[in-house]
Every structure is written in structure tokens, then in C-alpha cells.
Amino acid sequence: MPATFPPPAPPSHGGHNGTGTLPPPMSSNESFSNFFESWIAEQSRDLEELRAAASAEPAAPEADLRRLVDQVLAHYAQYYSTKAAAAADDVNMMFTSSWTSTTENLYLWCGGSRPTATIQLLYTKSGMQLQQQLPVFLDGGGLKDDLSDLSAAELQAADQLQHRTITREREIEETAASAQEALMSKTMVELAGGGGLDAGAMDREMQTKAEGMRRVLDMADGLRLETMREVVALLRPAQAVHFLLAAAELHLAVHDFGRRKDGHAGNAAAAAAPPRRRSYADA
């Protein structure tokens, strides 16, 4: 039977292996941006531990792999907990984030990654590892204890999870559509066409609309974390290490690519800008 992992609670120490490297939940855009950079560094450290565990010869004891998997999941849980606290203060910044690149923002779904993409990653990495080991397997060798060796029961569980997640995504998309269409409510139309904009009334009404989008974000982030946990739960500990390794590698690679691309674009724009005209103030 595949090993199961109970959903871990966010670590109370707020850091990596008790060192306290991650700051507590913040409220402002700048503070969450700082938290995000710390979390990226945390994920990079997790990545190195996952790589070491995945390549260890002989394989690490199952109990050690389970602890590592629980640690990584706890860091994901802490990220979403901190994000929810920040969104409660200002949900707008979560849909116009300054801490992610324009490349990453291009692929966002309701303020983050699409949950079914997590299951697709499992299928993709499993197929790649199976293809790599296929010649050895055809020669009579055994498959490694990684994602190439998914059992029929694991594949069936993944398929069922995919169908459930698609249904949940559609429910969230319907909620998002309702929240977005609420911007065209009778009250909003009256405020916009009243001849003199009532700033206070507009502020109160927009806060109400933003609350609808905060609920969408909460539902979406909840499903993202739940899907990650459920994928891990259907895998053996060694397989879970390989899956979480692939997830961290992909996220960090896209994040780094996007940041470098944005940096190059910014430098090119600065170089193309016309020189500033000298004024009397410069004299």
C-alpha cells in the first residue's frame, strides 16, 4: 500500500529546521514581497535537500524521507497561511503582485498556479523517468523507486484526483465570474453615473467587491495546497521526494527566468530612452 502523509500544520517556529529564517505574516505589499523572497530562499534550501535524498546511494531510510516530505509540505502550508493573512489586509496586491515576474503572471490562475497543473506535473515527470529507465527495464532490470514506478493503484488515484480537481476549479471559476460581474451592479452604475462621484460610497462599494475576490483567492489557494497534499499522499515516500523535487525545480527555474527576462527588458528600455534635456535646475 502506498504510504500516506497526514496534512502537516504550518511550523510554529516559522523557519527552516528551527532556524527561524522566515518572517511572520505581514500585511503590506513590501512586507509580503520580503516574505516571498525569504520563502524562495527556503524553497531553494528544500530543493538541495530533496536532490540529496533523491540521489542518495544507498537510499535514505523511509522515515527520513517521510520527515523531509512533511517539512516541504509544511513550508508550502506556511506560504499559503501567510498569503491569506496578507490578502485579508489587501487582496488587490495578490492579483497584481510585484514579487513575481511578468512571465509568471502570464500563467496565473486566480492568483496562483492552476491546481490541475500539479497533477499534470506528476504525469510528465513519471513519463520522463520511465522513458529514461525503459532500456534497462526491457533488458530485465528493475525500475528505480521514483515516479517511473507508479503502480496501477497510484495512477487510478491520480486520475480520480484529477477529475475531482477539475470540478473544483470550475466551481471556483464560477465564483470568480460572479465576483467580477458584481462590478456591473446597479449600485456601481448609479455611483458612476451620478454626476458627482461620492468617493466614500465608492470606496465602501469597492471594498465589498474586493471581498468577493478575496474569497476566490482563498478558495483557489486552498485547492492548490490540498491538491499538492493529495498528490503526495498517493505516493510512496521516495516517489514523493522525486515529485516535490520536480515541483521545486520547475517553480524556481521559471521564477529565475522571469526575473532575468524582466531585468533585461528594463535595461533595454532604459538604454533606449532619450537623454534627459538639461534644465536650468541642473546648472
Protein backbone atom coordinates (compact mmCIF):
# COMPACT_ATOMS: atom_id res chain seq x y z
CA MET A 1 0.00 0.00 0.00
CA PRO A 2 1.30 3.49 -0.74
CA ALA A 3 2.38 5.46 2.30
CA THR A 4 0.08 8.29 3.30
CA PHE A 5 1.05 11.59 4.82
CA PRO A 6 -1.29 13.50 7.15
CA PRO A 7 -1.57 17.19 6.27
CA PRO A 8 1.06 18.92 8.41
CA ALA A 9 0.30 22.08 10.31
CA PRO A 10 2.36 25.17 9.47
CA PRO A 11 5.53 25.10 11.61
CA SER A 12 5.26 27.23 14.69
CA HIS A 13 8.92 28.25 14.58
CA GLY A 14 8.41 29.97 11.21
CA GLY A 15 11.70 28.82 9.75
CA HIS A 16 13.80 26.09 8.19
CA ASN A 17 14.71 23.32 10.65
CA GLY A 18 14.01 25.64 13.56
CA THR A 19 16.38 28.39 12.48
CA GLY A 20 13.60 30.99 12.12
CA THR A 21 14.60 32.25 8.69
CA LEU A 22 11.07 33.05 7.55
CA PRO A 23 9.45 36.24 8.89
CA PRO A 24 5.96 36.16 10.45
CA PRO A 25 2.88 37.06 8.41
CA MET A 26 2.93 40.67 7.21
CA SER A 27 0.28 42.98 5.84
CA SER A 28 1.84 45.45 3.42
CA ASN A 29 2.88 44.86 -0.17
CA GLU A 30 6.52 45.48 0.68
CA SER A 31 6.43 43.17 3.70
CA PHE A 32 4.87 40.30 1.78
CA SER A 33 7.38 40.84 -1.00
CA ASN A 34 10.15 40.45 1.58
CA PHE A 35 8.47 37.33 2.92
CA PHE A 36 8.23 35.92 -0.59
CA GLU A 37 11.96 36.39 -1.17
CA SER A 38 12.65 34.57 2.10
CA TRP A 39 10.32 31.79 1.03
CA ILE A 40 12.11 31.46 -2.32
CA ALA A 41 15.36 31.07 -0.41
CA GLU A 42 13.64 28.50 1.81
CA GLN A 43 12.45 26.57 -1.24
CA SER A 44 15.99 26.64 -2.65
CA ARG A 45 17.27 25.01 0.56
CA ASP A 46 14.48 22.43 0.38
CA LEU A 47 15.49 21.77 -3.23
CA GLU A 48 19.04 20.89 -2.22
CA GLU A 49 17.79 18.51 0.48
CA LEU A 50 15.38 16.86 -1.96
CA ARG A 51 18.15 16.44 -4.54
CA ALA A 52 20.43 14.85 -1.97
CA ALA A 53 17.70 12.47 -0.83
CA ALA A 54 16.71 11.55 -4.40
CA SER A 55 20.29 10.70 -5.40
CA ALA A 56 21.43 9.06 -2.16
CA GLU A 57 23.13 5.66 -2.51
CA PRO A 58 22.08 3.63 -0.63
CA ALA A 59 18.61 5.12 -0.37
CA ALA A 60 17.80 7.04 2.79
CA PRO A 61 15.57 5.31 5.37
CA GLU A 62 11.87 5.72 4.67
CA ALA A 63 11.35 7.53 7.97
CA ASP A 64 13.90 10.19 6.95
CA LEU A 65 12.23 10.63 3.56
CA ARG A 66 8.85 10.99 5.25
CA ARG A 67 10.21 13.72 7.55
CA LEU A 68 11.68 15.58 4.58
CA VAL A 69 8.39 15.38 2.68
CA ASP A 70 6.46 16.63 5.71
CA GLN A 71 8.94 19.50 6.09
CA VAL A 72 8.48 20.63 2.49
CA LEU A 73 4.70 20.39 2.70
CA ALA A 74 4.77 22.41 5.92
CA HIS A 75 6.67 25.16 4.11
CA TYR A 76 4.00 25.25 1.38
CA ALA A 77 1.33 25.44 4.08
CA GLN A 78 3.14 28.32 5.76
CA TYR A 79 3.37 30.18 2.47
CA TYR A 80 -0.39 29.96 1.89
CA SER A 81 -1.15 30.84 5.51
CA THR A 82 0.99 33.97 5.25
CA LYS A 83 -0.52 34.83 1.89
CA ALA A 84 -4.05 34.55 3.32
CA ALA A 85 -3.15 36.90 6.17
CA ALA A 86 -1.75 39.45 3.73
CA ALA A 87 -4.77 39.12 1.42
CA ALA A 88 -7.11 39.80 4.33
CA ASP A 89 -5.42 43.18 4.65
CA ASP A 90 -5.15 43.96 0.92
CA VAL A 91 -6.33 41.45 -1.66
CA ASN A 92 -5.56 43.77 -4.58
CA MET A 93 -1.82 43.19 -4.36
CA MET A 94 -2.30 39.43 -4.61
CA PHE A 95 -3.68 39.81 -8.12
CA THR A 96 -1.09 42.43 -9.17
CA SER A 97 1.95 41.05 -7.36
CA SER A 98 5.28 42.83 -7.59
CA TRP A 99 7.22 39.82 -6.28
CA THR A 100 6.56 37.63 -9.32
CA SER A 101 7.78 38.24 -12.86
CA THR A 102 5.70 39.16 -15.89
CA THR A 103 6.42 35.66 -17.22
CA GLU A 104 4.96 34.04 -14.10
CA ASN A 105 1.99 36.41 -14.10
CA LEU A 106 1.17 35.34 -17.65
CA TYR A 107 0.28 31.84 -16.41
CA LEU A 108 -1.57 32.72 -13.21
CA TRP A 109 -4.99 31.27 -12.47
CA CYS A 110 -6.99 33.01 -9.73
CA GLY A 111 -3.86 34.43 -8.13
CA GLY A 112 -1.58 31.40 -8.46
CA SER A 113 -0.88 28.21 -10.35
CA ARG A 114 -3.72 26.07 -11.68
CA PRO A 115 -4.20 23.12 -9.28
CA THR A 116 -4.59 20.56 -12.08
CA ALA A 117 -1.11 21.61 -13.28
CA THR A 118 0.22 19.88 -10.15
CA ILE A 119 -1.27 16.58 -11.32
CA GLN A 120 -0.01 17.17 -14.86
CA LEU A 121 3.48 17.60 -13.42
CA LEU A 122 3.17 14.16 -11.82
CA TYR A 123 2.26 12.60 -15.18
CA THR A 124 5.00 14.46 -17.05
CA LYS A 125 7.80 13.60 -14.61
CA SER A 126 6.62 9.99 -14.36
CA GLY A 127 6.72 9.61 -18.14
CA MET A 128 10.17 11.19 -18.37
CA GLN A 129 11.67 8.95 -15.69
CA LEU A 130 10.06 5.86 -17.19
CA GLN A 131 11.49 6.72 -20.62
CA GLN A 132 14.95 7.15 -19.11
CA GLN A 133 14.83 3.73 -17.45
CA LEU A 134 12.98 1.85 -20.18
CA PRO A 135 16.12 0.34 -21.84
CA VAL A 136 17.27 -1.13 -18.51
CA PHE A 137 13.76 -2.38 -17.76
CA LEU A 138 13.47 -4.07 -21.17
CA ASP A 139 16.78 -5.81 -20.50
CA GLY A 140 15.31 -7.36 -17.39
CA GLY A 141 16.40 -4.74 -14.86
CA GLY A 142 14.14 -3.21 -12.26
CA LEU A 143 12.81 0.32 -12.10
CA LYS A 144 14.10 2.73 -9.51
CA ASP A 145 11.84 3.74 -6.66
CA ASP A 146 10.88 7.02 -8.28
CA LEU A 147 7.97 8.24 -10.39
CA SER A 148 8.78 5.79 -13.19
CA ASP A 149 7.39 3.04 -10.95
CA LEU A 150 3.87 4.32 -10.38
CA SER A 151 1.53 1.42 -9.69
CA ALA A 152 -1.86 0.90 -11.29
CA ALA A 153 -3.48 1.88 -7.99
CA GLU A 154 -1.47 5.12 -7.84
CA LEU A 155 -2.35 6.00 -11.43
CA GLN A 156 -6.02 5.34 -10.77
CA ALA A 157 -5.91 7.52 -7.64
CA ALA A 158 -4.21 10.29 -9.61
CA ASP A 159 -6.88 10.09 -12.32
CA GLN A 160 -9.67 10.32 -9.77
CA LEU A 161 -7.95 13.26 -8.10
CA GLN A 162 -7.64 14.99 -11.46
CA HIS A 163 -11.37 14.68 -12.13
CA ARG A 164 -12.26 15.98 -8.66
CA THR A 165 -9.85 18.89 -9.04
CA ILE A 166 -11.25 19.87 -12.44
CA THR A 167 -14.72 20.00 -10.89
CA ARG A 168 -13.45 22.19 -8.03
CA GLU A 169 -11.66 24.50 -10.46
CA ARG A 170 -14.87 25.04 -12.39
CA GLU A 171 -16.69 25.93 -9.17
CA ILE A 172 -14.02 28.50 -8.33
CA GLU A 173 -14.16 29.93 -11.85
CA GLU A 174 -17.93 30.37 -11.49
CA THR A 175 -17.40 32.14 -8.15
CA ALA A 176 -14.78 34.38 -9.76
CA ALA A 177 -17.13 35.19 -12.64
CA SER A 178 -19.85 36.22 -10.19
CA ALA A 179 -17.41 38.39 -8.23
CA GLN A 180 -16.18 40.09 -11.41
CA GLU A 181 -19.69 40.63 -12.80
CA ALA A 182 -20.67 42.26 -9.49
CA LEU A 183 -18.67 45.29 -10.64
CA MET A 184 -21.58 46.00 -13.00
CA SER A 185 -24.18 46.05 -10.22
CA LYS A 186 -26.96 48.64 -10.03
CA THR A 187 -25.20 50.39 -7.16
CA MET A 188 -21.98 50.72 -9.13
CA VAL A 189 -23.77 52.02 -12.20
CA GLU A 190 -25.60 54.57 -10.07
CA LEU A 191 -22.36 55.72 -8.45
CA ALA A 192 -20.62 56.02 -11.79
CA GLY A 193 -23.46 57.93 -13.43
CA GLY A 194 -24.50 60.16 -10.58
CA GLY A 195 -22.94 63.29 -11.99
CA GLY A 196 -20.71 63.74 -8.94
CA LEU A 197 -18.72 60.78 -7.68
CA ASP A 198 -19.28 60.00 -4.00
CA ALA A 199 -15.75 58.94 -3.01
CA GLY A 200 -16.80 57.47 0.31
CA ALA A 201 -19.62 55.42 -1.17
CA MET A 202 -17.37 54.26 -3.99
CA ASP A 203 -14.69 53.17 -1.52
CA ARG A 204 -17.19 51.18 0.55
CA GLU A 205 -18.67 49.53 -2.53
CA MET A 206 -15.25 48.62 -3.97
CA GLN A 207 -14.23 47.11 -0.64
CA THR A 208 -17.31 44.88 -0.84
CA LYS A 209 -16.39 43.83 -4.39
CA ALA A 210 -12.79 43.14 -3.33
CA GLU A 211 -14.06 40.84 -0.58
CA GLY A 212 -15.63 38.66 -3.26
CA MET A 213 -12.27 38.32 -4.98
CA ARG A 214 -10.59 37.58 -1.64
CA ARG A 215 -12.94 34.62 -1.23
CA VAL A 216 -11.97 33.46 -4.72
CA LEU A 217 -8.29 33.64 -3.80
CA ASP A 218 -8.91 31.78 -0.55
CA MET A 219 -10.74 29.00 -2.38
CA ALA A 220 -8.07 28.78 -5.08
CA ASP A 221 -5.14 28.73 -2.66
CA GLY A 222 -6.92 26.15 -0.55
CA LEU A 223 -7.33 23.91 -3.58
CA ARG A 224 -3.71 24.44 -4.62
CA LEU A 225 -2.42 23.27 -1.23
CA GLU A 226 -4.97 20.46 -0.97
CA THR A 227 -4.02 19.13 -4.42
CA MET A 228 -0.33 19.18 -3.55
CA ARG A 229 -1.00 17.25 -0.35
CA GLU A 230 -3.25 14.72 -2.09
CA VAL A 231 -0.71 14.02 -4.82
CA VAL A 232 1.94 13.40 -2.18
CA ALA A 233 -0.47 11.23 -0.16
CA LEU A 234 -0.94 8.76 -3.01
CA LEU A 235 2.82 8.25 -3.44
CA ARG A 236 5.44 6.25 -1.56
CA PRO A 237 7.96 8.42 0.37
CA ALA A 238 10.72 8.04 -2.23
CA GLN A 239 8.28 8.89 -5.02
CA ALA A 240 7.03 11.92 -3.07
CA VAL A 241 10.62 13.18 -2.82
CA HIS A 242 11.00 12.99 -6.61
CA PHE A 243 7.67 14.75 -7.15
CA LEU A 244 8.41 17.60 -4.74
CA LEU A 245 11.87 17.89 -6.29
CA ALA A 246 10.33 18.34 -9.76
CA ALA A 247 7.85 20.92 -8.40
CA ALA A 248 10.60 22.97 -6.73
CA GLU A 249 12.90 22.78 -9.75
CA LEU A 250 10.17 23.97 -12.12
CA HIS A 251 8.96 26.80 -9.91
CA LEU A 252 12.43 28.14 -9.17
CA ALA A 253 13.55 27.83 -12.81
CA VAL A 254 10.54 29.77 -14.13
CA HIS A 255 10.88 32.37 -11.36
CA ASP A 256 14.58 32.88 -12.13
CA PHE A 257 13.96 33.02 -15.88
CA GLY A 258 11.18 35.58 -15.46
CA ARG A 259 13.24 37.81 -13.18
CA ARG A 260 16.19 37.76 -15.58
CA LYS A 261 13.91 38.47 -18.54
CA ASP A 262 12.28 41.40 -16.75
CA GLY A 263 15.71 42.71 -15.82
CA HIS A 264 16.93 42.55 -19.41
CA ALA A 265 13.75 44.25 -20.63
CA GLY A 266 14.16 47.01 -18.05
CA ASN A 267 17.80 47.57 -19.01
CA ALA A 268 16.90 47.68 -22.70
CA ALA A 269 14.12 50.21 -22.07
CA ALA A 270 16.48 52.40 -20.05
CA ALA A 271 19.11 52.26 -22.79
CA ALA A 272 16.55 53.19 -25.47
CA ALA A 273 15.15 56.13 -23.53
CA PRO A 274 16.14 59.56 -24.93
CA PRO A 275 18.61 61.54 -22.84
CA ARG A 276 17.07 63.94 -20.35
CA ARG A 277 17.11 67.54 -21.53
CA ARG A 278 19.34 69.73 -19.43
CA SER A 279 17.45 72.41 -17.50
CA TYR A 280 18.35 75.49 -15.56
CA ALA A 281 17.97 73.42 -12.39
CA ASP A 282 21.00 71.38 -13.49
CA ALA A 283 23.21 74.41 -13.77
